[in-house]
């Protein structure tokens, strides 16, 4: 075996090894890894998602991208937060001012249009809703839609119910966030 064949073999083995780690970590080859929110003030968003909700910052970097010819390179602050897993269910934040500080939407009032088409909902489950709700409802820029209350939903089979203590609020940029505590183990089998 020549040195090129050895490098190729080692490379293929390494690729297979790291691929198996990623698939094992994800437990499925199709994974919704991250949702990234474009925010007006990343520090206000961190006050909600990191400080009040309790997510952990796992990445906070300035990304430099080449600008158009004759323009200076663009710098974008990108933050990733995790709930429980570094790979799945990560929330990304990008500070809008880094993208285009002169864009007119940057100065508009925060949209709070409710549960309407075009809006997304970021949903968290916790076992500590009461303790965390106090911090969330007092976080800067948070607007409560409804405090924790009992709700029932059909389960995955359609034969039973899912009981949840459910709350909802707007974050500082008007994104809808549900913060819920399931009251029973949720059976996802149909």
N, C-alpha and C. Protein backbone atom coordinates (compact mmCIF):
# COMPACT_ATOMS: atom_id res chain seq x y z
N UNK A 1 0.87 -1.17 0.00
CA UNK A 1 0.00 0.00 0.00
C UNK A 1 0.91 1.23 0.00
N UNK A 2 0.72 2.13 -0.99
CA UNK A 2 1.55 3.33 -1.04
C UNK A 2 1.00 4.37 -0.07
N UNK A 3 1.77 5.47 0.11
CA UNK A 3 1.37 6.47 1.12
C UNK A 3 0.05 7.14 0.76
N UNK A 4 -0.29 7.30 -0.52
CA UNK A 4 -1.55 7.92 -0.91
C UNK A 4 -2.73 7.02 -0.57
N UNK A 5 -2.55 5.72 -0.78
CA UNK A 5 -3.60 4.77 -0.43
C UNK A 5 -3.83 4.75 1.08
N UNK A 6 -2.75 4.83 1.84
CA UNK A 6 -2.89 4.87 3.31
C UNK A 6 -3.65 6.11 3.75
N UNK A 7 -3.31 7.28 3.19
CA UNK A 7 -4.02 8.52 3.55
C UNK A 7 -5.50 8.43 3.17
N UNK A 8 -5.77 7.86 1.99
CA UNK A 8 -7.15 7.71 1.56
C UNK A 8 -7.90 6.77 2.49
N UNK A 9 -7.30 5.66 2.86
CA UNK A 9 -7.93 4.70 3.78
C UNK A 9 -8.19 5.35 5.14
N UNK A 10 -7.17 6.04 5.67
CA UNK A 10 -7.33 6.71 6.97
C UNK A 10 -8.43 7.76 6.87
N UNK A 11 -8.45 8.51 5.77
CA UNK A 11 -9.49 9.54 5.58
C UNK A 11 -10.88 8.95 5.54
N UNK A 12 -11.05 7.85 4.81
CA UNK A 12 -12.36 7.20 4.72
C UNK A 12 -12.79 6.66 6.08
N UNK A 13 -11.86 6.04 6.81
CA UNK A 13 -12.19 5.53 8.14
C UNK A 13 -12.57 6.67 9.09
N UNK A 14 -11.82 7.78 9.03
CA UNK A 14 -12.14 8.93 9.89
C UNK A 14 -13.49 9.51 9.54
N UNK A 15 -13.78 9.64 8.23
CA UNK A 15 -15.07 10.16 7.82
C UNK A 15 -16.20 9.27 8.31
N UNK A 16 -16.02 7.95 8.17
CA UNK A 16 -17.04 7.02 8.65
C UNK A 16 -17.23 7.11 10.15
N UNK A 17 -16.11 7.22 10.89
CA UNK A 17 -16.17 7.32 12.35
C UNK A 17 -16.93 8.59 12.77
N UNK A 18 -16.55 9.74 12.20
CA UNK A 18 -17.19 10.99 12.60
C UNK A 18 -18.63 11.05 12.12
N UNK A 19 -18.93 10.49 10.98
CA UNK A 19 -20.31 10.43 10.51
C UNK A 19 -21.16 9.61 11.46
N UNK A 20 -20.62 8.48 11.94
CA UNK A 20 -21.39 7.64 12.86
C UNK A 20 -21.63 8.36 14.18
N UNK A 21 -20.68 9.17 14.61
CA UNK A 21 -20.88 9.95 15.84
C UNK A 21 -22.03 10.92 15.65
N UNK A 22 -22.04 11.64 14.52
CA UNK A 22 -23.09 12.62 14.27
C UNK A 22 -24.45 11.96 14.16
N UNK A 23 -24.54 10.86 13.44
CA UNK A 23 -25.82 10.17 13.30
C UNK A 23 -26.24 9.60 14.65
N UNK A 24 -25.30 9.03 15.42
CA UNK A 24 -25.62 8.52 16.74
C UNK A 24 -26.10 9.64 17.64
N UNK A 25 -25.41 10.79 17.58
CA UNK A 25 -25.82 11.93 18.41
C UNK A 25 -27.22 12.38 18.04
N UNK A 26 -27.53 12.30 16.78
CA UNK A 26 -28.83 12.76 16.32
C UNK A 26 -29.88 11.66 16.39
N UNK A 27 -29.44 10.39 16.40
CA UNK A 27 -30.31 9.23 16.42
C UNK A 27 -31.19 9.12 15.19
N UNK A 28 -30.94 9.94 14.18
CA UNK A 28 -31.70 9.90 12.94
C UNK A 28 -30.94 10.72 11.92
N UNK A 29 -30.88 10.28 10.66
CA UNK A 29 -30.14 11.05 9.68
C UNK A 29 -30.80 12.38 9.32
N UNK A 30 -32.05 12.59 9.68
CA UNK A 30 -32.71 13.87 9.45
C UNK A 30 -32.96 14.53 10.80
N UNK A 31 -32.30 15.66 11.03
CA UNK A 31 -32.37 16.32 12.33
C UNK A 31 -32.63 17.80 12.10
N UNK A 32 -33.62 18.34 12.79
CA UNK A 32 -33.79 19.79 12.82
C UNK A 32 -32.82 20.29 13.86
N UNK A 33 -31.71 20.83 13.41
CA UNK A 33 -30.59 21.14 14.30
C UNK A 33 -30.75 22.48 14.99
N UNK A 34 -31.14 23.52 14.23
CA UNK A 34 -31.11 24.85 14.83
C UNK A 34 -32.15 25.74 14.18
N UNK A 35 -32.70 26.64 14.97
CA UNK A 35 -33.51 27.75 14.52
C UNK A 35 -32.73 29.02 14.84
N UNK A 36 -32.54 29.89 13.87
CA UNK A 36 -31.81 31.13 14.12
C UNK A 36 -32.77 32.31 14.01
N UNK A 37 -32.75 33.16 15.01
CA UNK A 37 -33.60 34.35 15.04
C UNK A 37 -32.74 35.58 14.74
N UNK A 38 -33.24 36.45 13.87
CA UNK A 38 -32.58 37.73 13.61
C UNK A 38 -33.17 38.71 14.62
N UNK A 39 -32.32 39.26 15.49
CA UNK A 39 -32.80 40.09 16.60
C UNK A 39 -32.25 41.51 16.52
N UNK A 40 -32.94 42.46 17.16
CA UNK A 40 -32.53 43.86 17.15
C UNK A 40 -31.39 44.14 18.13
N UNK A 41 -31.42 43.46 19.27
CA UNK A 41 -30.43 43.70 20.31
C UNK A 41 -30.10 42.35 20.94
N UNK A 42 -28.95 41.83 20.59
CA UNK A 42 -28.60 40.47 21.01
C UNK A 42 -28.49 40.36 22.54
N UNK A 43 -28.08 41.44 23.21
CA UNK A 43 -27.97 41.39 24.67
C UNK A 43 -29.35 41.30 25.32
N UNK A 44 -30.36 41.97 24.77
CA UNK A 44 -31.72 41.83 25.29
C UNK A 44 -32.22 40.40 25.08
N UNK A 45 -31.91 39.83 23.92
CA UNK A 45 -32.32 38.45 23.66
C UNK A 45 -31.62 37.48 24.60
N UNK A 46 -30.34 37.72 24.87
CA UNK A 46 -29.61 36.85 25.81
C UNK A 46 -30.20 36.96 27.22
N UNK A 47 -30.71 38.15 27.57
CA UNK A 47 -31.34 38.31 28.89
C UNK A 47 -32.57 37.41 29.01
N UNK A 48 -33.23 37.13 27.89
CA UNK A 48 -34.39 36.24 27.92
C UNK A 48 -33.96 34.78 27.82
N UNK A 49 -33.27 34.44 26.74
CA UNK A 49 -32.99 33.03 26.45
C UNK A 49 -31.91 32.43 27.36
N UNK A 50 -30.90 33.20 27.69
CA UNK A 50 -29.83 32.68 28.57
C UNK A 50 -30.19 32.90 30.03
N UNK A 51 -30.48 34.14 30.40
CA UNK A 51 -30.64 34.49 31.82
C UNK A 51 -31.98 34.06 32.40
N UNK A 52 -33.09 34.28 31.68
CA UNK A 52 -34.41 33.96 32.23
C UNK A 52 -34.81 32.50 31.97
N UNK A 53 -34.65 32.05 30.72
CA UNK A 53 -35.05 30.68 30.39
C UNK A 53 -34.02 29.68 30.90
N UNK A 54 -32.74 30.02 30.83
CA UNK A 54 -31.70 29.14 31.36
C UNK A 54 -30.91 28.38 30.31
N UNK A 55 -30.98 28.83 29.05
CA UNK A 55 -30.17 28.17 28.02
C UNK A 55 -28.69 28.52 28.25
N UNK A 56 -27.80 27.70 27.69
CA UNK A 56 -26.36 27.89 27.84
C UNK A 56 -25.75 28.33 26.52
N UNK A 57 -24.95 29.40 26.56
CA UNK A 57 -24.25 29.85 25.36
C UNK A 57 -23.14 28.86 25.04
N UNK A 58 -23.17 28.34 23.81
CA UNK A 58 -22.13 27.39 23.39
C UNK A 58 -21.28 27.96 22.26
N UNK A 59 -21.67 29.13 21.74
CA UNK A 59 -20.92 29.74 20.64
C UNK A 59 -21.25 31.22 20.63
N UNK A 60 -20.24 32.06 20.59
CA UNK A 60 -20.44 33.51 20.51
C UNK A 60 -19.24 34.07 19.75
N UNK A 61 -19.43 34.29 18.47
CA UNK A 61 -18.31 34.71 17.62
C UNK A 61 -18.74 35.82 16.67
N UNK A 62 -17.76 36.56 16.21
CA UNK A 62 -17.95 37.53 15.14
C UNK A 62 -17.53 36.84 13.85
N UNK A 63 -18.43 36.77 12.90
CA UNK A 63 -18.17 36.16 11.60
C UNK A 63 -17.88 37.29 10.63
N UNK A 64 -16.78 37.19 9.91
CA UNK A 64 -16.43 38.21 8.91
C UNK A 64 -16.78 37.69 7.53
N UNK A 65 -17.58 38.49 6.81
CA UNK A 65 -17.96 38.13 5.45
C UNK A 65 -17.52 39.25 4.52
N UNK A 66 -17.05 38.86 3.35
CA UNK A 66 -16.60 39.85 2.37
C UNK A 66 -17.78 40.72 1.96
N UNK A 67 -17.54 42.02 1.86
CA UNK A 67 -18.57 42.94 1.42
C UNK A 67 -18.59 43.03 -0.10
N UNK A 68 -19.49 43.83 -0.63
CA UNK A 68 -19.55 44.07 -2.07
C UNK A 68 -18.27 44.79 -2.47
N UNK A 69 -17.91 44.74 -3.75
CA UNK A 69 -16.69 45.43 -4.19
C UNK A 69 -16.70 46.89 -3.74
N UNK A 70 -15.59 47.31 -3.13
CA UNK A 70 -15.47 48.68 -2.64
C UNK A 70 -16.01 48.91 -1.24
N UNK A 71 -16.69 47.92 -0.67
CA UNK A 71 -17.22 48.05 0.69
C UNK A 71 -16.35 47.27 1.66
N UNK A 72 -16.37 47.69 2.91
CA UNK A 72 -15.59 46.96 3.91
C UNK A 72 -16.27 45.63 4.24
N UNK A 73 -15.50 44.66 4.70
CA UNK A 73 -16.09 43.36 5.06
C UNK A 73 -17.15 43.54 6.16
N UNK A 74 -18.15 42.69 6.10
CA UNK A 74 -19.25 42.73 7.07
C UNK A 74 -18.90 41.84 8.24
N UNK A 75 -19.21 42.30 9.45
CA UNK A 75 -19.03 41.50 10.65
C UNK A 75 -20.39 41.19 11.24
N UNK A 76 -20.62 39.91 11.52
CA UNK A 76 -21.91 39.46 12.05
C UNK A 76 -21.66 38.74 13.36
N UNK A 77 -22.35 39.15 14.41
CA UNK A 77 -22.25 38.42 15.68
C UNK A 77 -23.27 37.29 15.66
N UNK A 78 -22.79 36.09 15.89
CA UNK A 78 -23.62 34.90 15.89
C UNK A 78 -23.45 34.19 17.22
N UNK A 79 -24.57 33.94 17.89
CA UNK A 79 -24.58 33.27 19.19
C UNK A 79 -25.45 32.03 19.07
N UNK A 80 -24.96 30.89 19.57
CA UNK A 80 -25.76 29.67 19.67
C UNK A 80 -25.97 29.38 21.14
N UNK A 81 -27.21 29.00 21.48
CA UNK A 81 -27.54 28.58 22.83
C UNK A 81 -28.12 27.18 22.78
N UNK A 82 -27.82 26.39 23.80
CA UNK A 82 -28.38 25.04 23.87
C UNK A 82 -29.30 24.94 25.07
N UNK A 83 -30.27 24.03 24.93
CA UNK A 83 -31.10 23.68 26.07
C UNK A 83 -30.45 22.49 26.78
N UNK A 84 -30.36 21.35 26.09
CA UNK A 84 -29.77 20.17 26.70
C UNK A 84 -28.75 19.47 25.82
N UNK A 85 -28.66 19.84 24.55
CA UNK A 85 -27.82 19.11 23.60
C UNK A 85 -27.06 20.10 22.74
N UNK A 86 -25.76 19.87 22.56
CA UNK A 86 -24.93 20.77 21.74
C UNK A 86 -25.23 20.67 20.26
N UNK A 87 -25.95 19.65 19.85
CA UNK A 87 -26.13 19.41 18.44
C UNK A 87 -27.58 19.56 17.97
N UNK A 88 -28.53 19.20 18.81
CA UNK A 88 -29.94 19.21 18.41
C UNK A 88 -30.69 20.24 19.25
N UNK A 89 -31.59 20.97 18.61
CA UNK A 89 -32.41 21.93 19.34
C UNK A 89 -31.68 23.18 19.77
N UNK A 90 -30.69 23.58 19.00
CA UNK A 90 -29.91 24.78 19.31
C UNK A 90 -30.67 26.00 18.79
N UNK A 91 -30.62 27.09 19.53
CA UNK A 91 -31.21 28.35 19.11
C UNK A 91 -30.08 29.30 18.76
N UNK A 92 -30.12 29.84 17.55
CA UNK A 92 -29.13 30.81 17.12
C UNK A 92 -29.69 32.21 17.19
N UNK A 93 -28.83 33.17 17.47
CA UNK A 93 -29.21 34.59 17.47
C UNK A 93 -28.20 35.34 16.59
N UNK A 94 -28.72 36.17 15.69
CA UNK A 94 -27.88 37.04 14.87
C UNK A 94 -28.35 38.45 15.13
N UNK A 95 -27.43 39.33 15.48
CA UNK A 95 -27.78 40.72 15.76
C UNK A 95 -28.02 41.46 14.45
N UNK A 96 -29.22 41.99 14.29
CA UNK A 96 -29.66 42.66 13.06
C UNK A 96 -28.75 43.81 12.67
N UNK A 97 -28.24 44.53 13.65
CA UNK A 97 -27.41 45.69 13.34
C UNK A 97 -26.16 45.31 12.57
N UNK A 98 -25.72 44.06 12.72
CA UNK A 98 -24.55 43.61 11.98
C UNK A 98 -24.90 43.33 10.52
N UNK A 99 -26.14 42.98 10.26
CA UNK A 99 -26.54 42.66 8.89
C UNK A 99 -26.73 43.94 8.08
N UNK A 100 -27.56 44.83 8.54
CA UNK A 100 -27.80 46.07 7.80
C UNK A 100 -28.35 47.12 8.77
N UNK A 101 -27.47 47.88 9.42
CA UNK A 101 -27.94 48.84 10.42
C UNK A 101 -28.78 49.98 9.83
N UNK A 102 -28.72 50.19 8.52
CA UNK A 102 -29.48 51.29 7.91
C UNK A 102 -30.83 50.84 7.36
N UNK A 103 -31.10 49.56 7.40
CA UNK A 103 -32.35 49.04 6.85
C UNK A 103 -33.53 49.61 7.62
N UNK A 104 -34.59 50.09 6.92
CA UNK A 104 -35.71 50.74 7.62
C UNK A 104 -36.44 49.84 8.61
N UNK A 105 -36.48 48.52 8.36
CA UNK A 105 -37.17 47.62 9.30
C UNK A 105 -36.52 47.63 10.68
N UNK A 106 -35.25 47.98 10.74
CA UNK A 106 -34.54 47.99 12.02
C UNK A 106 -35.14 48.99 12.99
N UNK A 107 -35.74 50.03 12.47
CA UNK A 107 -36.29 51.07 13.33
C UNK A 107 -37.79 50.89 13.58
N UNK A 108 -38.44 49.95 12.89
CA UNK A 108 -39.88 49.76 13.07
C UNK A 108 -40.18 49.22 14.46
N UNK A 109 -41.41 49.43 14.85
CA UNK A 109 -41.88 48.89 16.13
C UNK A 109 -41.89 47.36 16.06
N UNK A 110 -41.69 46.71 17.18
CA UNK A 110 -41.68 45.26 17.26
C UNK A 110 -43.05 44.73 16.85
N UNK A 111 -43.05 43.72 15.97
CA UNK A 111 -44.30 43.08 15.54
C UNK A 111 -44.81 42.16 16.63
N UNK A 112 -46.05 42.29 16.96
CA UNK A 112 -46.70 41.38 17.90
C UNK A 112 -48.05 41.03 17.31
N UNK A 113 -48.02 40.18 16.29
CA UNK A 113 -49.22 39.88 15.52
C UNK A 113 -49.92 38.61 15.97
N UNK A 114 -49.43 37.98 17.00
CA UNK A 114 -50.07 36.80 17.52
C UNK A 114 -49.86 35.57 16.67
N UNK A 115 -50.73 34.62 16.83
CA UNK A 115 -50.63 33.33 16.17
C UNK A 115 -51.22 33.47 14.76
N UNK A 116 -50.45 34.07 13.85
CA UNK A 116 -50.90 34.33 12.49
C UNK A 116 -49.91 33.75 11.49
N UNK A 117 -50.35 33.53 10.24
CA UNK A 117 -49.43 33.00 9.22
C UNK A 117 -48.19 33.89 9.08
N UNK A 118 -47.06 33.25 8.88
CA UNK A 118 -45.80 33.97 8.74
C UNK A 118 -45.03 34.08 10.04
N UNK A 119 -45.67 33.78 11.14
CA UNK A 119 -44.99 33.81 12.44
C UNK A 119 -44.59 32.40 12.85
N UNK A 120 -43.47 32.32 13.52
CA UNK A 120 -43.02 31.04 14.04
C UNK A 120 -43.19 31.05 15.56
N UNK A 121 -43.22 29.87 16.13
CA UNK A 121 -43.31 29.74 17.59
C UNK A 121 -42.11 28.92 18.06
N UNK A 122 -41.37 29.47 18.99
CA UNK A 122 -40.27 28.75 19.62
C UNK A 122 -40.86 28.13 20.88
N UNK A 123 -40.76 26.79 21.01
CA UNK A 123 -41.41 26.11 22.12
C UNK A 123 -40.39 25.38 22.98
N UNK A 124 -40.51 25.58 24.28
CA UNK A 124 -39.66 24.90 25.26
C UNK A 124 -40.55 24.07 26.17
N UNK A 125 -40.05 22.91 26.57
CA UNK A 125 -40.65 22.13 27.65
C UNK A 125 -39.68 22.15 28.81
N UNK A 126 -40.22 22.20 30.01
CA UNK A 126 -39.40 22.23 31.22
C UNK A 126 -40.12 21.48 32.33
N UNK A 127 -39.39 21.17 33.37
CA UNK A 127 -40.00 20.62 34.58
C UNK A 127 -40.02 21.68 35.67
N UNK A 128 -39.62 22.91 35.32
CA UNK A 128 -39.50 24.00 36.30
C UNK A 128 -40.22 25.26 35.84
N UNK A 129 -41.43 25.11 35.33
CA UNK A 129 -42.16 26.26 34.79
C UNK A 129 -42.38 27.36 35.83
N UNK A 130 -42.86 27.01 36.98
CA UNK A 130 -43.17 28.03 37.99
C UNK A 130 -41.93 28.83 38.38
N UNK A 131 -40.82 28.15 38.61
CA UNK A 131 -39.60 28.84 39.03
C UNK A 131 -39.05 29.73 37.92
N UNK A 132 -39.10 29.25 36.68
CA UNK A 132 -38.54 30.03 35.58
C UNK A 132 -39.48 31.14 35.11
N UNK A 133 -40.79 30.93 35.27
CA UNK A 133 -41.75 31.92 34.78
C UNK A 133 -41.53 33.28 35.44
N UNK A 134 -41.20 33.28 36.70
CA UNK A 134 -40.96 34.53 37.43
C UNK A 134 -39.87 35.35 36.72
N UNK A 135 -38.76 34.71 36.37
CA UNK A 135 -37.66 35.41 35.67
C UNK A 135 -38.07 35.82 34.26
N UNK A 136 -38.75 34.92 33.55
CA UNK A 136 -39.14 35.20 32.16
C UNK A 136 -40.06 36.40 32.09
N UNK A 137 -41.09 36.42 32.92
CA UNK A 137 -42.09 37.50 32.84
C UNK A 137 -41.51 38.86 33.21
N UNK A 138 -40.38 38.88 33.92
CA UNK A 138 -39.74 40.15 34.31
C UNK A 138 -38.55 40.51 33.44
N UNK A 139 -38.21 39.67 32.45
CA UNK A 139 -37.05 39.94 31.60
C UNK A 139 -37.32 41.17 30.72
N UNK A 140 -36.29 41.98 30.45
CA UNK A 140 -36.48 43.17 29.64
C UNK A 140 -37.01 42.85 28.24
N UNK A 141 -38.05 43.56 27.83
CA UNK A 141 -38.59 43.39 26.49
C UNK A 141 -39.61 42.28 26.34
N UNK A 142 -39.85 41.48 27.38
CA UNK A 142 -40.83 40.40 27.31
C UNK A 142 -42.23 40.96 27.50
N UNK A 143 -43.14 40.51 26.65
CA UNK A 143 -44.55 40.88 26.77
C UNK A 143 -45.36 39.59 26.89
N UNK A 144 -46.01 39.41 28.01
CA UNK A 144 -46.74 38.17 28.30
C UNK A 144 -48.00 38.09 27.44
N UNK A 145 -48.17 36.97 26.75
CA UNK A 145 -49.41 36.70 26.03
C UNK A 145 -50.39 36.06 27.01
N UNK A 146 -49.95 34.99 27.68
CA UNK A 146 -50.73 34.44 28.79
C UNK A 146 -49.79 33.73 29.75
N UNK A 147 -50.04 33.88 31.07
CA UNK A 147 -49.21 33.21 32.08
C UNK A 147 -49.54 31.72 32.11
N UNK A 148 -48.78 30.93 32.87
CA UNK A 148 -49.04 29.50 32.93
C UNK A 148 -50.49 29.18 33.25
N UNK A 149 -51.05 28.28 32.45
CA UNK A 149 -52.43 27.84 32.65
C UNK A 149 -52.56 26.42 32.12
N UNK A 150 -53.57 25.73 32.61
CA UNK A 150 -53.81 24.34 32.23
C UNK A 150 -54.39 24.28 30.82
N UNK A 151 -53.84 23.35 30.00
CA UNK A 151 -54.36 23.12 28.66
C UNK A 151 -54.33 21.62 28.38
N UNK A 152 -55.22 21.19 27.51
CA UNK A 152 -55.24 19.80 27.06
C UNK A 152 -55.17 19.77 25.54
N UNK A 153 -54.42 18.80 25.03
CA UNK A 153 -54.30 18.58 23.60
C UNK A 153 -54.53 17.10 23.33
N UNK A 154 -55.04 16.73 22.14
CA UNK A 154 -55.12 15.31 21.80
C UNK A 154 -53.72 14.72 21.75
N UNK A 155 -53.56 13.48 22.22
CA UNK A 155 -52.24 12.86 22.13
C UNK A 155 -52.00 12.40 20.69
N UNK A 156 -50.84 11.82 20.44
CA UNK A 156 -50.46 11.44 19.08
C UNK A 156 -51.39 10.40 18.48
N UNK A 157 -51.97 9.55 19.31
CA UNK A 157 -52.88 8.52 18.81
C UNK A 157 -54.27 9.09 18.54
N UNK A 158 -54.58 10.23 19.14
CA UNK A 158 -55.90 10.82 19.01
C UNK A 158 -56.90 10.23 19.98
N UNK A 159 -56.47 9.27 20.81
CA UNK A 159 -57.38 8.58 21.73
C UNK A 159 -57.28 9.10 23.16
N UNK A 160 -56.16 9.72 23.49
CA UNK A 160 -55.96 10.22 24.85
C UNK A 160 -55.70 11.73 24.81
N UNK A 161 -55.23 12.23 25.94
CA UNK A 161 -54.94 13.67 26.02
C UNK A 161 -53.52 13.89 26.53
N UNK A 162 -53.00 15.04 26.19
CA UNK A 162 -51.73 15.52 26.74
C UNK A 162 -52.09 16.70 27.63
N UNK A 163 -51.77 16.58 28.91
CA UNK A 163 -52.05 17.67 29.86
C UNK A 163 -50.79 18.50 30.03
N UNK A 164 -50.94 19.82 29.92
CA UNK A 164 -49.78 20.71 29.94
C UNK A 164 -50.11 21.97 30.72
N UNK A 165 -49.14 22.44 31.50
CA UNK A 165 -49.20 23.80 32.02
C UNK A 165 -48.48 24.64 30.98
N UNK A 166 -49.20 25.54 30.36
CA UNK A 166 -48.70 26.24 29.18
C UNK A 166 -48.67 27.75 29.41
N UNK A 167 -47.60 28.37 28.94
CA UNK A 167 -47.50 29.83 28.99
C UNK A 167 -46.97 30.32 27.65
N UNK A 168 -47.15 31.59 27.38
CA UNK A 168 -46.73 32.13 26.10
C UNK A 168 -46.38 33.60 26.27
N UNK A 169 -45.33 34.03 25.53
CA UNK A 169 -44.92 35.43 25.58
C UNK A 169 -44.23 35.84 24.29
N UNK A 170 -44.13 37.14 24.08
CA UNK A 170 -43.32 37.68 23.00
C UNK A 170 -41.94 37.99 23.56
N UNK A 171 -40.91 37.63 22.82
CA UNK A 171 -39.55 38.02 23.23
C UNK A 171 -39.33 39.48 22.81
N UNK A 172 -38.19 40.08 23.07
CA UNK A 172 -37.99 41.50 22.75
C UNK A 172 -38.15 41.86 21.27
N UNK A 173 -38.09 40.87 20.37
CA UNK A 173 -38.26 41.15 18.95
C UNK A 173 -39.62 40.73 18.41
N UNK A 174 -40.52 40.32 19.29
CA UNK A 174 -41.86 39.95 18.86
C UNK A 174 -42.00 38.49 18.46
N UNK A 175 -40.94 37.68 18.64
CA UNK A 175 -41.08 36.25 18.37
C UNK A 175 -41.95 35.64 19.47
N UNK A 176 -42.85 34.73 19.08
CA UNK A 176 -43.70 34.06 20.05
C UNK A 176 -42.92 32.90 20.66
N UNK A 177 -42.96 32.81 21.99
CA UNK A 177 -42.30 31.73 22.70
C UNK A 177 -43.33 31.07 23.60
N UNK A 178 -43.46 29.75 23.47
CA UNK A 178 -44.27 28.97 24.40
C UNK A 178 -43.32 28.32 25.39
N UNK A 179 -43.66 28.38 26.63
CA UNK A 179 -42.85 27.79 27.69
C UNK A 179 -43.78 26.90 28.50
N UNK A 180 -43.63 25.59 28.35
CA UNK A 180 -44.61 24.64 28.85
C UNK A 180 -44.00 23.61 29.78
N UNK A 181 -44.87 23.06 30.63
CA UNK A 181 -44.49 21.94 31.49
C UNK A 181 -45.52 20.83 31.30
N UNK A 182 -45.11 19.72 30.61
CA UNK A 182 -46.02 18.59 30.50
C UNK A 182 -46.33 18.03 31.88
N UNK A 183 -47.59 17.63 32.09
CA UNK A 183 -48.00 17.12 33.38
C UNK A 183 -47.96 15.59 33.42
N UNK A 184 -47.80 14.97 32.27
CA UNK A 184 -47.71 13.52 32.16
C UNK A 184 -46.58 13.21 31.18
N UNK A 185 -46.15 11.95 31.18
CA UNK A 185 -45.20 11.53 30.15
C UNK A 185 -45.93 11.54 28.81
N UNK A 186 -45.32 12.11 27.82
CA UNK A 186 -45.97 12.21 26.51
C UNK A 186 -45.63 10.98 25.68
N UNK A 187 -46.68 10.28 25.27
CA UNK A 187 -46.51 9.11 24.43
C UNK A 187 -46.65 9.55 22.97
N UNK A 188 -45.58 9.40 22.19
CA UNK A 188 -45.60 9.84 20.80
C UNK A 188 -45.98 8.74 19.82
N UNK A 189 -46.37 7.57 20.34
CA UNK A 189 -46.76 6.47 19.45
C UNK A 189 -48.19 6.67 18.98
N UNK A 190 -48.40 6.35 17.72
CA UNK A 190 -49.76 6.48 17.15
C UNK A 190 -50.55 5.22 17.36
